[in-house]
Protein backbone atom coordinates (compact mmCIF):
# COMPACT_ATOMS: atom_id res chain seq x y z
CA MET A 1 -23.60 70.07 16.83
CA THR A 2 -22.75 66.91 14.87
CA ILE A 3 -20.26 64.65 16.61
CA ALA A 4 -16.88 64.18 14.91
CA LEU A 5 -15.41 60.69 15.30
CA ALA A 6 -11.65 60.28 15.01
CA PHE A 7 -10.86 56.65 14.23
CA ASP A 8 -7.49 55.17 15.00
CA ILE A 9 -6.49 53.04 12.01
CA TYR A 10 -3.98 50.30 12.86
CA GLY A 11 -5.52 47.89 15.36
CA THR A 12 -8.93 49.58 15.33
CA LEU A 13 -10.13 49.57 11.73
CA ILE A 14 -7.23 47.78 10.03
CA ASP A 15 -5.69 44.53 11.30
CA PRO A 16 -1.91 44.97 11.67
CA HIS A 17 -1.57 41.19 11.98
CA GLY A 18 -2.99 40.75 8.51
CA VAL A 19 0.64 40.29 7.50
CA VAL A 20 0.80 36.84 9.12
CA ASP A 21 0.10 34.87 5.92
CA GLU A 22 3.00 36.57 4.16
CA LEU A 23 5.19 36.07 7.22
CA ALA A 24 4.38 32.36 7.24
CA GLN A 25 5.94 32.04 3.80
CA HIS A 26 9.23 33.30 5.23
CA VAL A 27 9.35 32.21 8.88
CA GLY A 28 6.86 29.33 8.98
CA GLU A 29 5.27 28.55 12.34
CA ARG A 30 6.94 31.56 13.95
CA ALA A 31 4.72 33.95 11.97
CA GLN A 32 2.37 34.81 14.85
CA GLU A 33 5.25 35.37 17.25
CA PHE A 34 7.05 37.50 14.69
CA SER A 35 3.97 39.61 14.00
CA GLY A 36 3.38 40.28 17.69
CA ILE A 37 6.94 41.43 18.35
CA TRP A 38 6.99 43.50 15.17
CA ARG A 39 3.82 45.35 16.17
CA ASP A 40 4.98 45.93 19.76
CA LYS A 41 8.35 47.25 18.62
CA GLN A 42 6.74 49.47 16.00
CA LEU A 43 4.68 51.20 18.71
CA GLU A 44 7.67 51.37 21.07
CA TYR A 45 9.67 53.18 18.40
CA THR A 46 6.93 55.79 17.97
CA PHE A 47 6.87 56.40 21.74
CA ARG A 48 10.64 56.70 21.94
CA ARG A 49 10.96 58.97 18.94
CA GLY A 50 8.17 61.18 20.23
CA LEU A 51 9.83 61.55 23.62
CA MET A 52 13.29 62.12 22.16
CA GLY A 53 12.12 64.62 19.57
CA ARG A 54 13.81 62.54 16.85
CA TYR A 55 10.89 62.08 14.49
CA GLU A 56 10.94 59.61 11.64
CA ASN A 57 7.66 58.68 10.00
CA PHE A 58 5.64 55.54 10.64
CA VAL A 59 7.01 53.76 7.59
CA VAL A 60 10.54 54.14 8.95
CA CYS A 61 9.46 52.97 12.41
CA THR A 62 7.74 49.95 10.86
CA ARG A 63 10.80 49.00 8.80
CA GLN A 64 13.18 49.43 11.74
CA ALA A 65 10.87 47.29 13.90
CA LEU A 66 10.92 44.64 11.16
CA ASP A 67 14.72 44.67 11.13
CA TYR A 68 14.81 44.42 14.92
CA THR A 69 12.41 41.46 15.01
CA ASP A 70 14.35 39.65 12.30
CA SER A 71 17.56 40.09 14.31
CA LEU A 72 15.92 39.09 17.60
CA LEU A 73 14.38 35.90 16.24
CA GLN A 74 17.36 35.17 13.97
CA THR A 75 15.06 34.54 11.02
CA SER A 76 17.61 35.84 8.46
CA LEU A 77 15.13 37.54 6.15
CA ASP A 78 16.71 38.82 2.96
CA GLU A 79 15.95 42.21 1.44
CA SER A 80 13.39 40.85 -1.00
CA ALA A 81 11.43 39.24 1.85
CA LYS A 82 11.47 42.46 3.86
CA THR A 83 10.34 44.43 0.82
CA ALA A 84 7.45 42.01 0.30
CA LEU A 85 6.42 42.30 3.94
CA MET A 86 6.50 46.08 3.84
CA GLN A 87 4.36 46.00 0.70
CA VAL A 88 1.77 43.80 2.42
CA TYR A 89 1.68 46.35 5.23
CA ARG A 90 0.26 48.83 2.71
CA MET A 91 -2.62 46.45 1.89
CA LEU A 92 -3.68 45.17 5.30
CA PRO A 93 -7.31 44.07 5.68
CA ALA A 94 -10.07 45.74 7.67
CA TYR A 95 -11.61 43.85 10.58
CA ALA A 96 -14.86 42.07 9.70
CA ASP A 97 -17.10 44.44 11.68
CA VAL A 98 -15.77 47.61 10.07
CA PRO A 99 -17.73 48.16 6.81
CA ALA A 100 -21.23 47.65 8.24
CA SER A 101 -20.40 49.62 11.39
CA LEU A 102 -19.11 52.61 9.43
CA GLN A 103 -22.21 52.50 7.24
CA ALA A 104 -24.44 52.58 10.33
CA LEU A 105 -22.51 55.55 11.72
CA ALA A 106 -22.74 57.38 8.38
CA ASP A 107 -26.49 56.71 8.27
CA ALA A 108 -26.77 58.13 11.81
CA GLY A 109 -25.13 61.36 10.67
CA PHE A 110 -21.72 61.22 12.33
CA ARG A 111 -18.73 63.00 10.81
CA MET A 112 -15.82 60.56 10.48
CA PHE A 113 -12.07 61.03 10.13
CA GLY A 114 -8.98 58.85 10.33
CA LEU A 115 -6.52 59.91 13.04
CA SER A 116 -3.33 57.98 12.66
CA ASN A 117 0.36 57.69 13.41
CA GLY A 118 0.61 56.60 9.79
CA VAL A 119 1.55 58.80 6.86
CA ALA A 120 -1.58 60.26 5.24
CA ASP A 121 -1.00 58.70 1.79
CA ALA A 122 -0.42 55.24 3.28
CA VAL A 123 -3.50 55.49 5.50
CA SER A 124 -5.66 56.72 2.62
CA GLY A 125 -4.40 53.78 0.57
CA LEU A 126 -5.36 51.33 3.31
CA LEU A 127 -8.86 52.78 3.57
CA GLU A 128 -9.26 52.65 -0.20
CA HIS A 129 -7.96 49.09 -0.39
CA ALA A 130 -10.46 48.07 2.31
CA ARG A 131 -13.22 49.90 0.39
CA ILE A 132 -14.14 52.10 3.33
CA ASP A 133 -12.59 55.41 2.25
CA GLN A 134 -15.97 56.84 1.23
CA PHE A 135 -17.02 57.13 4.87
CA PHE A 136 -14.32 59.63 5.86
CA GLU A 137 -14.11 63.39 5.49
CA GLY A 138 -10.35 63.05 5.61
CA VAL A 139 -7.25 61.57 7.21
CA VAL A 140 -5.45 63.48 9.96
CA SER A 141 -1.85 62.28 10.23
CA VAL A 142 0.71 62.99 12.94
CA ASP A 143 3.21 63.47 10.11
CA THR A 144 1.99 67.07 9.89
CA LEU A 145 3.19 67.65 13.47
CA LYS A 146 6.33 65.47 13.37
CA THR A 147 5.41 63.66 16.58
CA PHE A 148 3.27 60.69 17.60
CA LYS A 149 0.29 59.78 19.73
CA PRO A 150 -0.31 60.18 22.62
CA SER A 151 1.17 63.68 22.43
CA PRO A 152 -1.59 66.16 23.35
CA GLU A 153 -0.63 68.10 20.21
CA VAL A 154 -2.12 65.34 18.08
CA TYR A 155 -5.56 65.47 19.66
CA ARG A 156 -5.65 69.28 19.76
CA HIS A 157 -4.71 69.27 16.09
CA PHE A 158 -7.64 66.96 15.34
CA ILE A 159 -10.05 69.29 17.16
CA ASP A 160 -8.74 72.16 15.04
CA VAL A 161 -9.14 70.17 11.81
CA ALA A 162 -12.67 69.11 12.76
CA ALA A 163 -13.42 72.80 13.42
CA THR A 164 -15.67 72.06 16.37
CA ASP A 165 -15.53 72.03 20.16
CA ALA A 166 -13.63 69.32 22.06
CA GLU A 167 -16.89 68.13 23.64
CA ASN A 168 -18.14 67.18 20.17
CA CYS A 169 -14.99 65.18 19.33
CA TRP A 170 -14.64 61.47 20.09
CA LEU A 171 -11.67 59.21 19.54
CA VAL A 172 -12.42 55.57 18.71
CA SER A 173 -9.42 53.33 19.38
CA SER A 174 -8.47 49.83 20.48
CA ASN A 175 -5.24 51.21 21.96
CA GLY A 176 -5.46 52.12 25.64
CA PHE A 177 -2.63 54.66 25.43
CA ASP A 178 -4.51 56.42 22.62
CA VAL A 179 -7.76 56.57 24.59
CA ILE A 180 -6.00 57.95 27.67
CA GLY A 181 -4.19 60.49 25.52
CA ALA A 182 -7.41 61.75 23.94
CA VAL A 183 -9.30 62.00 27.24
CA SER A 184 -6.33 63.74 28.84
CA ALA A 185 -6.39 66.28 25.98
CA GLY A 186 -10.07 67.04 26.51
CA MET A 187 -11.77 64.76 24.00
CA LYS A 188 -14.19 61.94 24.69
CA ALA A 189 -13.05 58.46 23.76
CA ALA A 190 -14.51 55.03 23.06
CA TRP A 191 -12.20 52.13 23.84
CA LEU A 192 -12.73 49.21 21.48
CA GLN A 193 -11.85 46.13 23.52
CA ARG A 194 -11.63 43.59 20.73
CA SER A 195 -10.39 40.89 23.11
CA ARG A 196 -11.60 40.42 26.69
CA ALA A 197 -8.03 39.42 27.53
CA VAL A 198 -6.78 42.96 26.87
CA VAL A 199 -6.41 45.04 30.04
CA PHE A 200 -6.86 48.81 30.20
CA ASP A 201 -4.11 50.85 31.85
CA PRO A 202 -4.90 51.57 35.54
CA TRP A 203 -4.08 55.28 35.41
CA GLY A 204 -7.34 56.59 36.83
CA ILE A 205 -8.21 58.03 33.40
CA ASP A 206 -11.07 56.00 32.02
CA ALA A 207 -12.57 55.69 28.58
CA THR A 208 -15.82 57.58 28.15
CA LEU A 209 -17.29 54.42 26.66
CA VAL A 210 -16.18 50.80 26.27
CA VAL A 211 -17.41 48.68 23.35
CA HIS A 212 -16.50 45.17 22.25
CA SER A 213 -17.42 45.62 18.60
CA LEU A 214 -17.64 48.65 16.37
CA ASN A 215 -21.27 47.86 15.64
CA GLU A 216 -22.14 49.04 19.15
CA LEU A 217 -21.04 52.62 18.48
CA SER A 218 -23.99 53.92 16.51
CA GLU A 219 -26.35 53.05 19.36
CA LYS A 220 -24.13 54.10 22.29
CA ILE A 221 -22.86 57.48 21.06
CA ASN A 222 -25.61 60.04 20.70
CA THR A 223 -25.44 62.47 17.78
């Protein structure tokens, strides 16, 4: 059967630090620092909300993480600046290797989906803005389940949506927690190690495949 690829969006296809240029207009040389804390806190909030059973969608988590980072760094952003930053987050760029890699995978006959903590409309907008939406059968959002990755519910839901067996489903993600979650739930998973400095969690649950660029996927995953 044809392999179904579930692509994580933020950090895998779309660069969450693409907001740095806008940040620099508001916080100057602290933009990189701000972006890093904002992203880390955004993910932390999804983990905490998932564990607590107090779901709020990814947009809310992102805005609350922005407010936290502003308070932590004492950057005193006003509401108009925060609104502008949140708007940029809806138009983040794709990584440079994404368009050609997705084309190669499409040519090889893979089925492709987005699988994201993001709200479906926002994710679809990102894919359209990056001009890569045509490669995907659809976007599978955790918002349907009111929880977040790496809950096993998310990966089982994807298998159901793909309407195939778990052995034919692969996750592609740059996030180690996501890869471990998918493998733990019975899927295969390719870890995209975009930076050699990034370390995989030593849990004894390994990625099925490790790649350093998306353009390696079409050759290393057999249809």
